[in-house]
N, C-alpha and C. Protein backbone atom coordinates (compact mmCIF):
# COMPACT_ATOMS: atom_id res chain seq x y z
N MET A 1 104.69 89.01 88.37
CA MET A 1 105.48 88.07 89.13
C MET A 1 105.58 88.57 90.58
N ILE A 2 105.34 87.67 91.49
CA ILE A 2 105.43 88.03 92.90
C ILE A 2 106.81 87.67 93.41
N TYR A 3 107.51 88.68 93.92
CA TYR A 3 108.83 88.48 94.51
C TYR A 3 108.67 88.03 95.96
N PRO A 4 109.64 87.27 96.48
CA PRO A 4 109.64 87.04 97.93
C PRO A 4 110.10 88.32 98.64
N ILE A 5 109.53 88.59 99.81
CA ILE A 5 109.92 89.75 100.61
C ILE A 5 111.17 89.38 101.42
N ILE A 6 112.17 90.22 101.36
CA ILE A 6 113.42 89.99 102.08
C ILE A 6 113.21 90.32 103.56
N GLY A 7 113.57 89.39 104.43
CA GLY A 7 113.36 89.54 105.86
C GLY A 7 114.45 90.33 106.57
N TYR A 8 114.06 90.87 107.70
CA TYR A 8 114.94 91.64 108.58
C TYR A 8 116.26 90.90 108.79
N GLY A 9 117.35 91.65 108.77
CA GLY A 9 118.68 91.08 108.99
C GLY A 9 119.49 90.96 107.72
N ALA A 10 118.84 90.99 106.57
CA ALA A 10 119.55 90.88 105.29
C ALA A 10 120.33 92.17 105.03
N SER A 11 121.54 92.04 104.53
CA SER A 11 122.40 93.21 104.30
C SER A 11 121.82 94.16 103.26
N VAL A 12 121.05 93.65 102.30
CA VAL A 12 120.48 94.53 101.26
C VAL A 12 119.55 95.58 101.87
N LEU A 13 118.96 95.28 103.03
CA LEU A 13 118.07 96.24 103.69
C LEU A 13 118.84 97.38 104.35
N ARG A 14 120.16 97.25 104.44
CA ARG A 14 120.99 98.27 105.08
C ARG A 14 121.85 99.04 104.08
N LYS A 15 121.70 98.74 102.79
CA LYS A 15 122.49 99.42 101.77
C LYS A 15 121.82 100.71 101.33
N LYS A 16 122.63 101.73 101.12
CA LYS A 16 122.13 102.94 100.46
C LYS A 16 122.09 102.58 98.97
N CYS A 17 120.91 102.61 98.40
CA CYS A 17 120.71 102.11 97.04
C CYS A 17 121.28 103.04 95.98
N THR A 18 121.55 102.46 94.82
CA THR A 18 122.12 103.22 93.72
C THR A 18 121.03 103.67 92.76
N ASP A 19 121.29 104.78 92.08
CA ASP A 19 120.37 105.29 91.07
C ASP A 19 120.26 104.30 89.92
N ILE A 20 119.14 104.35 89.24
CA ILE A 20 118.91 103.56 88.04
C ILE A 20 119.16 104.47 86.83
N THR A 21 119.96 103.99 85.90
CA THR A 21 120.20 104.72 84.66
C THR A 21 119.10 104.33 83.67
N PRO A 22 118.50 105.30 82.99
CA PRO A 22 117.47 104.96 82.00
C PRO A 22 117.98 103.89 81.03
N GLY A 23 117.17 102.84 80.85
CA GLY A 23 117.53 101.73 79.96
C GLY A 23 118.29 100.61 80.65
N GLU A 24 118.76 100.86 81.87
CA GLU A 24 119.53 99.85 82.60
C GLU A 24 118.65 98.67 83.02
N LEU A 25 117.44 98.98 83.46
CA LEU A 25 116.48 97.97 83.92
C LEU A 25 115.13 98.23 83.28
N ASP A 26 114.31 97.21 83.21
CA ASP A 26 112.94 97.38 82.74
C ASP A 26 112.10 97.87 83.93
N VAL A 27 112.12 99.19 84.16
CA VAL A 27 111.48 99.74 85.36
C VAL A 27 109.97 99.54 85.36
N LYS A 28 109.36 99.49 84.18
CA LYS A 28 107.91 99.26 84.12
C LYS A 28 107.58 97.86 84.61
N GLN A 29 108.33 96.88 84.17
CA GLN A 29 108.09 95.50 84.60
C GLN A 29 108.40 95.33 86.09
N ILE A 30 109.50 95.92 86.53
CA ILE A 30 109.85 95.83 87.95
C ILE A 30 108.76 96.50 88.79
N SER A 31 108.30 97.66 88.35
CA SER A 31 107.23 98.36 89.07
C SER A 31 105.97 97.50 89.14
N ASP A 32 105.57 96.92 88.01
CA ASP A 32 104.39 96.04 87.99
C ASP A 32 104.56 94.88 88.97
N ASN A 33 105.73 94.26 88.95
CA ASN A 33 106.00 93.13 89.85
C ASN A 33 105.97 93.56 91.31
N MET A 34 106.53 94.75 91.57
CA MET A 34 106.53 95.25 92.95
C MET A 34 105.11 95.55 93.43
N PHE A 35 104.27 96.13 92.57
CA PHE A 35 102.87 96.36 92.96
C PHE A 35 102.17 95.04 93.23
N GLU A 36 102.39 94.06 92.36
CA GLU A 36 101.76 92.74 92.55
C GLU A 36 102.23 92.11 93.86
N THR A 37 103.51 92.21 94.14
CA THR A 37 104.07 91.67 95.38
C THR A 37 103.48 92.38 96.59
N MET A 38 103.47 93.71 96.55
CA MET A 38 102.95 94.52 97.65
C MET A 38 101.48 94.20 97.92
N HIS A 39 100.69 94.16 96.87
CA HIS A 39 99.26 93.89 97.05
C HIS A 39 99.02 92.48 97.59
N SER A 40 99.82 91.51 97.14
CA SER A 40 99.63 90.13 97.62
C SER A 40 99.98 90.00 99.10
N ALA A 41 100.79 90.95 99.60
CA ALA A 41 101.19 90.93 101.02
C ALA A 41 100.39 91.95 101.84
N SER A 42 99.38 92.57 101.21
CA SER A 42 98.52 93.57 101.88
C SER A 42 99.32 94.77 102.38
N GLY A 43 100.30 95.20 101.60
CA GLY A 43 101.09 96.37 101.96
C GLY A 43 100.60 97.62 101.27
N VAL A 44 101.12 98.76 101.71
CA VAL A 44 100.81 100.05 101.08
C VAL A 44 102.06 100.67 100.46
N GLY A 45 103.20 100.04 100.64
CA GLY A 45 104.44 100.52 100.06
C GLY A 45 105.45 99.38 100.01
N LEU A 46 106.35 99.46 99.05
CA LEU A 46 107.39 98.43 98.91
C LEU A 46 108.58 99.06 98.20
N ALA A 47 109.77 98.84 98.74
CA ALA A 47 110.99 99.41 98.16
C ALA A 47 111.88 98.32 97.57
N GLY A 48 112.71 98.72 96.60
CA GLY A 48 113.61 97.80 95.93
C GLY A 48 114.35 96.84 96.84
N PRO A 49 115.00 97.34 97.92
CA PRO A 49 115.76 96.42 98.78
C PRO A 49 114.89 95.31 99.40
N GLN A 50 113.60 95.57 99.56
CA GLN A 50 112.71 94.57 100.16
C GLN A 50 112.46 93.40 99.22
N VAL A 51 112.82 93.56 97.94
CA VAL A 51 112.72 92.45 96.99
C VAL A 51 114.10 92.15 96.39
N ASN A 52 115.14 92.47 97.17
CA ASN A 52 116.53 92.17 96.84
C ASN A 52 117.05 92.95 95.63
N LEU A 53 116.53 94.15 95.43
CA LEU A 53 117.02 95.04 94.38
C LEU A 53 117.59 96.28 95.06
N ALA A 54 118.90 96.43 95.03
CA ALA A 54 119.55 97.55 95.72
C ALA A 54 119.55 98.80 94.83
N TYR A 55 118.38 99.13 94.32
CA TYR A 55 118.20 100.29 93.45
C TYR A 55 117.20 101.25 94.08
N ARG A 56 117.28 102.52 93.66
CA ARG A 56 116.42 103.57 94.20
C ARG A 56 115.07 103.54 93.48
N ILE A 57 114.25 102.58 93.88
CA ILE A 57 112.90 102.46 93.34
C ILE A 57 111.98 102.01 94.47
N PHE A 58 110.81 102.64 94.54
CA PHE A 58 109.78 102.15 95.46
C PHE A 58 108.41 102.48 94.90
N VAL A 59 107.44 101.69 95.36
CA VAL A 59 106.05 101.87 94.92
C VAL A 59 105.19 102.11 96.15
N VAL A 60 104.11 102.87 95.95
CA VAL A 60 103.17 103.15 97.04
C VAL A 60 101.75 103.06 96.49
N ASP A 61 100.83 102.66 97.35
CA ASP A 61 99.41 102.62 96.97
C ASP A 61 98.57 102.92 98.21
N GLY A 62 98.32 104.20 98.44
CA GLY A 62 97.52 104.61 99.58
C GLY A 62 96.04 104.36 99.39
N GLU A 63 95.63 104.10 98.14
CA GLU A 63 94.22 103.81 97.91
C GLU A 63 93.79 102.53 98.62
N VAL A 64 94.75 101.65 98.91
CA VAL A 64 94.45 100.43 99.66
C VAL A 64 93.83 100.80 101.00
N ILE A 65 94.36 101.86 101.64
CA ILE A 65 93.83 102.31 102.92
C ILE A 65 92.41 102.84 102.74
N ASN A 66 92.21 103.68 101.72
CA ASN A 66 90.88 104.24 101.48
C ASN A 66 89.87 103.17 101.10
N ASN A 67 90.31 102.14 100.38
CA ASN A 67 89.38 101.07 100.01
C ASN A 67 88.85 100.33 101.23
N GLY A 68 89.59 100.38 102.33
CA GLY A 68 89.15 99.74 103.57
C GLY A 68 88.31 100.65 104.46
N ALA A 69 88.08 101.89 104.01
CA ALA A 69 87.30 102.84 104.81
C ALA A 69 85.86 102.37 104.94
N GLU A 70 85.33 102.47 106.15
CA GLU A 70 83.96 102.04 106.40
C GLU A 70 82.93 103.08 105.97
N THR A 71 83.27 104.35 106.09
CA THR A 71 82.34 105.41 105.70
C THR A 71 83.08 106.40 104.81
N GLU A 72 82.32 107.23 104.12
CA GLU A 72 82.92 108.24 103.25
C GLU A 72 83.77 109.23 104.05
N GLU A 73 83.38 109.48 105.30
CA GLU A 73 84.15 110.40 106.15
C GLU A 73 85.52 109.82 106.51
N ASP A 74 85.65 108.49 106.44
CA ASP A 74 86.92 107.84 106.77
C ASP A 74 87.93 107.89 105.62
N ILE A 75 87.49 108.33 104.45
CA ILE A 75 88.38 108.39 103.29
C ILE A 75 89.36 109.56 103.47
N ASP A 76 90.64 109.26 103.33
CA ASP A 76 91.69 110.26 103.46
C ASP A 76 91.89 110.93 102.11
N PRO A 77 91.58 112.23 101.98
CA PRO A 77 91.71 112.90 100.68
C PRO A 77 93.15 112.92 100.16
N ASP A 78 94.13 112.84 101.05
CA ASP A 78 95.53 112.82 100.62
C ASP A 78 95.90 111.51 99.92
N LEU A 79 95.07 110.49 100.10
CA LEU A 79 95.37 109.18 99.52
C LEU A 79 94.54 108.85 98.28
N VAL A 80 93.63 109.73 97.91
CA VAL A 80 92.82 109.51 96.71
C VAL A 80 93.74 109.60 95.49
N GLY A 81 93.76 108.56 94.69
CA GLY A 81 94.63 108.53 93.51
C GLY A 81 96.11 108.40 93.82
N PHE A 82 96.42 108.07 95.06
CA PHE A 82 97.83 108.00 95.49
C PHE A 82 98.38 106.60 95.24
N LYS A 83 98.73 106.34 94.00
CA LYS A 83 99.37 105.08 93.58
C LYS A 83 100.47 105.47 92.62
N LYS A 84 101.72 105.32 93.05
CA LYS A 84 102.84 105.84 92.27
C LYS A 84 104.08 104.96 92.38
N THR A 85 104.92 105.12 91.38
CA THR A 85 106.27 104.55 91.41
C THR A 85 107.25 105.71 91.49
N PHE A 86 108.21 105.60 92.38
CA PHE A 86 109.25 106.61 92.57
C PHE A 86 110.60 106.01 92.19
N ILE A 87 111.27 106.62 91.22
CA ILE A 87 112.58 106.16 90.77
C ILE A 87 113.59 107.28 91.02
N ASN A 88 114.74 106.90 91.58
CA ASN A 88 115.83 107.85 91.87
C ASN A 88 115.34 109.04 92.70
N ALA A 89 114.48 108.77 93.66
CA ALA A 89 113.86 109.83 94.46
C ALA A 89 114.87 110.50 95.39
N ARG A 90 114.63 111.78 95.61
CA ARG A 90 115.39 112.57 96.59
C ARG A 90 114.40 113.46 97.32
N ILE A 91 114.32 113.31 98.63
CA ILE A 91 113.48 114.22 99.42
C ILE A 91 114.23 115.54 99.51
N LEU A 92 113.55 116.60 99.10
CA LEU A 92 114.16 117.93 99.08
C LEU A 92 113.89 118.70 100.36
N GLU A 93 112.71 118.44 100.97
CA GLU A 93 112.34 119.18 102.17
C GLU A 93 111.31 118.38 102.97
N GLU A 94 111.45 118.46 104.29
CA GLU A 94 110.47 117.90 105.22
C GLU A 94 110.13 119.01 106.20
N THR A 95 108.83 119.32 106.35
CA THR A 95 108.45 120.43 107.21
C THR A 95 107.29 120.04 108.13
N GLY A 96 107.11 120.87 109.16
CA GLY A 96 106.01 120.68 110.10
C GLY A 96 106.45 120.01 111.38
N GLU A 97 105.54 119.96 112.32
CA GLU A 97 105.79 119.34 113.62
C GLU A 97 105.64 117.82 113.50
N PRO A 98 106.66 117.05 113.84
CA PRO A 98 106.57 115.59 113.72
C PRO A 98 105.36 115.03 114.48
N TRP A 99 104.72 114.04 113.85
CA TRP A 99 103.56 113.39 114.46
C TRP A 99 103.77 111.88 114.46
N GLY A 100 103.28 111.25 115.50
CA GLY A 100 103.47 109.83 115.67
C GLY A 100 102.35 109.02 115.05
N TYR A 101 102.72 107.85 114.55
CA TYR A 101 101.76 106.92 113.98
C TYR A 101 102.39 105.54 114.03
N GLU A 102 101.59 104.55 114.31
CA GLU A 102 102.11 103.18 114.40
C GLU A 102 102.41 102.64 113.01
N GLU A 103 103.67 102.31 112.79
CA GLU A 103 104.11 101.78 111.50
C GLU A 103 104.50 100.32 111.64
N GLY A 104 104.44 99.64 110.51
CA GLY A 104 104.91 98.27 110.40
C GLY A 104 105.69 98.16 109.10
N CYS A 105 106.19 96.97 108.81
CA CYS A 105 107.00 96.79 107.61
C CYS A 105 106.89 95.35 107.15
N LEU A 106 106.73 95.15 105.84
CA LEU A 106 106.62 93.79 105.31
C LEU A 106 107.88 92.97 105.57
N SER A 107 109.03 93.61 105.69
CA SER A 107 110.28 92.90 105.98
C SER A 107 110.44 92.57 107.46
N ILE A 108 109.56 93.13 108.28
CA ILE A 108 109.63 92.92 109.73
C ILE A 108 108.22 92.56 110.23
N PRO A 109 107.68 91.42 109.77
CA PRO A 109 106.29 91.08 110.11
C PRO A 109 106.07 90.93 111.61
N GLY A 110 104.89 91.38 112.04
CA GLY A 110 104.52 91.23 113.44
C GLY A 110 105.08 92.28 114.37
N VAL A 111 105.85 93.21 113.85
CA VAL A 111 106.43 94.29 114.67
C VAL A 111 105.82 95.61 114.23
N ARG A 112 105.27 96.32 115.19
CA ARG A 112 104.68 97.64 114.93
C ARG A 112 105.11 98.58 116.05
N ALA A 113 105.30 99.84 115.71
CA ALA A 113 105.68 100.82 116.73
C ALA A 113 105.42 102.22 116.21
N ASP A 114 105.23 103.15 117.15
CA ASP A 114 105.03 104.55 116.79
C ASP A 114 106.33 105.15 116.28
N VAL A 115 106.21 105.80 115.13
CA VAL A 115 107.34 106.52 114.53
C VAL A 115 106.88 107.95 114.30
N TYR A 116 107.74 108.90 114.63
CA TYR A 116 107.44 110.32 114.45
C TYR A 116 108.08 110.82 113.17
N ARG A 117 107.24 111.41 112.31
CA ARG A 117 107.71 111.93 111.03
C ARG A 117 107.07 113.29 110.78
N LYS A 118 107.76 114.12 109.99
CA LYS A 118 107.20 115.43 109.65
C LYS A 118 106.04 115.24 108.66
N PRO A 119 105.02 116.11 108.75
CA PRO A 119 103.80 115.89 107.98
C PRO A 119 103.80 116.34 106.52
N VAL A 120 104.80 117.09 106.10
CA VAL A 120 104.82 117.59 104.71
C VAL A 120 106.21 117.36 104.12
N ILE A 121 106.23 116.80 102.92
CA ILE A 121 107.51 116.59 102.23
C ILE A 121 107.42 117.09 100.80
N THR A 122 108.56 117.49 100.27
CA THR A 122 108.70 117.77 98.84
C THR A 122 109.76 116.82 98.33
N ILE A 123 109.44 116.14 97.24
CA ILE A 123 110.31 115.09 96.72
C ILE A 123 110.46 115.21 95.21
N ARG A 124 111.66 114.97 94.72
CA ARG A 124 111.92 114.93 93.27
C ARG A 124 112.16 113.47 92.90
N TYR A 125 111.55 113.03 91.80
CA TYR A 125 111.66 111.63 91.39
C TYR A 125 111.30 111.49 89.92
N TYR A 126 111.55 110.32 89.37
CA TYR A 126 111.13 109.97 88.02
C TYR A 126 110.03 108.92 88.10
N ASP A 127 109.13 108.94 87.11
CA ASP A 127 108.13 107.87 87.00
C ASP A 127 108.68 106.81 86.05
N THR A 128 107.88 105.81 85.72
CA THR A 128 108.37 104.71 84.88
C THR A 128 108.55 105.10 83.41
N ASP A 129 108.09 106.29 83.03
CA ASP A 129 108.34 106.79 81.67
C ASP A 129 109.54 107.74 81.66
N TRP A 130 110.24 107.84 82.78
CA TRP A 130 111.40 108.70 82.96
C TRP A 130 111.05 110.18 82.85
N VAL A 131 109.84 110.51 83.27
CA VAL A 131 109.43 111.90 83.38
C VAL A 131 109.75 112.35 84.80
N GLU A 132 110.46 113.47 84.92
CA GLU A 132 110.84 113.98 86.24
C GLU A 132 109.68 114.76 86.86
N HIS A 133 109.49 114.56 88.15
CA HIS A 133 108.45 115.26 88.92
C HIS A 133 109.07 115.85 90.18
N THR A 134 108.56 116.97 90.62
CA THR A 134 108.82 117.50 91.95
C THR A 134 107.46 117.79 92.55
N ASP A 135 107.08 117.01 93.57
CA ASP A 135 105.75 117.09 94.16
C ASP A 135 105.84 117.25 95.67
N THR A 136 104.78 117.82 96.23
CA THR A 136 104.66 117.95 97.68
C THR A 136 103.51 117.06 98.13
N PHE A 137 103.76 116.30 99.19
CA PHE A 137 102.77 115.39 99.76
C PHE A 137 102.62 115.71 101.24
N LYS A 138 101.45 115.42 101.78
CA LYS A 138 101.23 115.69 103.20
C LYS A 138 100.52 114.52 103.85
N GLY A 139 100.51 114.56 105.19
CA GLY A 139 99.77 113.58 105.96
C GLY A 139 100.25 112.15 105.74
N MET A 140 99.28 111.24 105.59
CA MET A 140 99.61 109.83 105.45
C MET A 140 100.40 109.55 104.18
N ALA A 141 100.11 110.28 103.10
CA ALA A 141 100.88 110.08 101.86
C ALA A 141 102.36 110.40 102.10
N ALA A 142 102.63 111.49 102.81
CA ALA A 142 104.02 111.85 103.13
C ALA A 142 104.66 110.77 103.98
N ARG A 143 103.93 110.25 104.95
CA ARG A 143 104.46 109.21 105.84
C ARG A 143 104.83 107.95 105.07
N ILE A 144 103.94 107.51 104.19
CA ILE A 144 104.22 106.30 103.40
C ILE A 144 105.48 106.50 102.57
N ILE A 145 105.59 107.66 101.92
CA ILE A 145 106.78 107.95 101.12
C ILE A 145 108.03 107.96 101.99
N GLN A 146 107.98 108.62 103.15
CA GLN A 146 109.15 108.69 104.03
C GLN A 146 109.59 107.29 104.47
N HIS A 147 108.63 106.43 104.77
CA HIS A 147 108.96 105.06 105.19
C HIS A 147 109.68 104.33 104.05
N GLU A 148 109.15 104.41 102.84
CA GLU A 148 109.76 103.72 101.71
C GLU A 148 111.08 104.38 101.30
N TYR A 149 111.14 105.69 101.39
CA TYR A 149 112.38 106.41 101.09
C TYR A 149 113.49 105.96 102.05
N ASP A 150 113.13 105.79 103.31
CA ASP A 150 114.11 105.29 104.28
C ASP A 150 114.74 103.99 103.78
N HIS A 151 113.92 103.10 103.22
CA HIS A 151 114.43 101.81 102.73
C HIS A 151 115.53 102.00 101.70
N ILE A 152 115.36 102.94 100.76
CA ILE A 152 116.39 103.10 99.73
C ILE A 152 117.62 103.82 100.27
N GLU A 153 117.51 104.33 101.49
CA GLU A 153 118.65 104.94 102.18
C GLU A 153 119.29 103.96 103.17
N GLY A 154 118.77 102.73 103.24
CA GLY A 154 119.32 101.72 104.15
C GLY A 154 118.84 101.86 105.59
N VAL A 155 117.69 102.53 105.77
CA VAL A 155 117.15 102.80 107.10
C VAL A 155 115.84 102.03 107.27
N LEU A 156 115.65 101.44 108.44
CA LEU A 156 114.40 100.74 108.77
C LEU A 156 113.62 101.55 109.79
N PHE A 157 112.31 101.33 109.85
CA PHE A 157 111.50 102.12 110.79
C PHE A 157 111.94 101.89 112.23
N THR A 158 112.49 100.73 112.51
CA THR A 158 112.95 100.44 113.87
C THR A 158 114.14 101.32 114.27
N ASP A 159 114.84 101.88 113.29
CA ASP A 159 115.96 102.78 113.59
C ASP A 159 115.47 104.08 114.21
N HIS A 160 114.21 104.41 114.03
CA HIS A 160 113.64 105.65 114.56
C HIS A 160 113.13 105.49 116.00
N LEU A 161 113.21 104.29 116.54
CA LEU A 161 112.64 104.03 117.86
C LEU A 161 113.61 104.40 118.98
N ALA A 162 113.04 104.67 120.13
CA ALA A 162 113.84 104.97 121.32
C ALA A 162 114.62 103.72 121.73
N PRO A 163 115.79 103.90 122.36
CA PRO A 163 116.62 102.75 122.75
C PRO A 163 115.86 101.70 123.58
N LEU A 164 115.01 102.13 124.50
CA LEU A 164 114.26 101.17 125.32
C LEU A 164 113.34 100.33 124.45
N LYS A 165 112.64 100.95 123.51
CA LYS A 165 111.74 100.21 122.62
C LYS A 165 112.52 99.23 121.76
N LYS A 166 113.69 99.66 121.26
CA LYS A 166 114.55 98.77 120.47
C LYS A 166 114.96 97.55 121.30
N GLN A 167 115.32 97.80 122.55
CA GLN A 167 115.72 96.71 123.44
C GLN A 167 114.56 95.73 123.65
N MET A 168 113.35 96.26 123.79
CA MET A 168 112.18 95.42 123.99
C MET A 168 111.88 94.55 122.76
N LEU A 169 112.28 95.02 121.58
CA LEU A 169 112.01 94.28 120.34
C LEU A 169 113.16 93.36 119.94
N LYS A 170 114.26 93.41 120.65
CA LYS A 170 115.48 92.69 120.26
C LYS A 170 115.23 91.19 120.02
N LYS A 171 114.54 90.54 120.93
CA LYS A 171 114.30 89.09 120.80
C LYS A 171 113.43 88.81 119.57
N LYS A 172 112.37 89.58 119.39
CA LYS A 172 111.47 89.39 118.26
C LYS A 172 112.21 89.60 116.93
N LEU A 173 113.04 90.64 116.88
CA LEU A 173 113.82 90.91 115.67
C LEU A 173 114.82 89.79 115.39
N GLY A 174 115.40 89.25 116.45
CA GLY A 174 116.32 88.12 116.31
C GLY A 174 115.63 86.89 115.73
N MET A 175 114.40 86.65 116.14
CA MET A 175 113.63 85.52 115.62
C MET A 175 113.35 85.72 114.13
N ILE A 176 112.97 86.94 113.76
CA ILE A 176 112.70 87.23 112.34
C ILE A 176 113.97 87.01 111.53
N GLN A 177 115.09 87.49 112.05
CA GLN A 177 116.37 87.36 111.36
C GLN A 177 116.71 85.89 111.11
N LYS A 178 116.29 85.01 112.01
CA LYS A 178 116.54 83.57 111.86
C LYS A 178 115.49 82.89 110.99
N GLY A 179 114.49 83.66 110.53
CA GLY A 179 113.44 83.09 109.69
C GLY A 179 112.31 82.47 110.47
N ILE A 180 112.29 82.68 111.78
CA ILE A 180 111.23 82.15 112.63
C ILE A 180 110.17 83.25 112.73
N VAL A 181 109.23 83.19 111.80
CA VAL A 181 108.25 84.26 111.68
C VAL A 181 106.98 83.71 111.05
N ASP A 182 105.87 84.33 111.41
CA ASP A 182 104.58 83.94 110.85
C ASP A 182 104.11 85.05 109.92
N ALA A 183 104.28 84.85 108.63
CA ALA A 183 103.83 85.83 107.64
C ALA A 183 102.97 85.09 106.63
N ASP A 184 101.93 85.74 106.15
CA ASP A 184 101.06 85.08 105.17
C ASP A 184 101.45 85.42 103.74
N TYR A 185 102.74 85.69 103.54
CA TYR A 185 103.29 85.93 102.21
C TYR A 185 104.68 85.32 102.17
N LYS A 186 105.18 85.09 100.95
CA LYS A 186 106.47 84.45 100.78
C LYS A 186 107.60 85.39 101.20
N MET A 187 108.49 84.86 102.04
CA MET A 187 109.63 85.65 102.49
C MET A 187 110.92 84.90 102.18
N LYS A 188 112.00 85.65 102.15
CA LYS A 188 113.33 85.08 101.93
C LYS A 188 114.25 85.69 102.97
N PHE A 189 115.08 84.88 103.58
CA PHE A 189 116.00 85.33 104.62
C PHE A 189 117.42 85.12 104.14
N LEU A 190 118.15 86.22 103.97
CA LEU A 190 119.51 86.15 103.41
C LEU A 190 120.57 86.16 104.50
């Protein structure tokens, strides 16, 4: 099932999400639906609040980026096999010198900006079988996780921008908030 993507301005995007108790939700079905939704919108990550679920769940699929690689040298080794569901995640550590990369967000279509994030993270989370993991990710995989993790903390990538850049985006963000946006996927504005 494809969920509508919740647009910028909705209060659910600003909530610090709650943990999921095992058995409370069908996390396998929700995960499958979130992957289907994310893929239909050409995304590489999607968090619960973006589909109006204020729970600590997000999905990532970095293989989408590698599948678009033109040559074998363009394949990012950190993204090979990088398709996961993170439940009740907690970032334990972020290390390294922050690096900038242009990010976007399915909830904020048409807006992209450089965001600086640390290149290595260690995160504890559960998978859809409720098996606990503590893993370290680096590079683009770490960035994708940090972006989606921000969502379950009620933070948007635009919050990381300098005040001048935020001011420059104010009108565009206001239009999105009003539902005046061009997206090639179903959106909902709350």
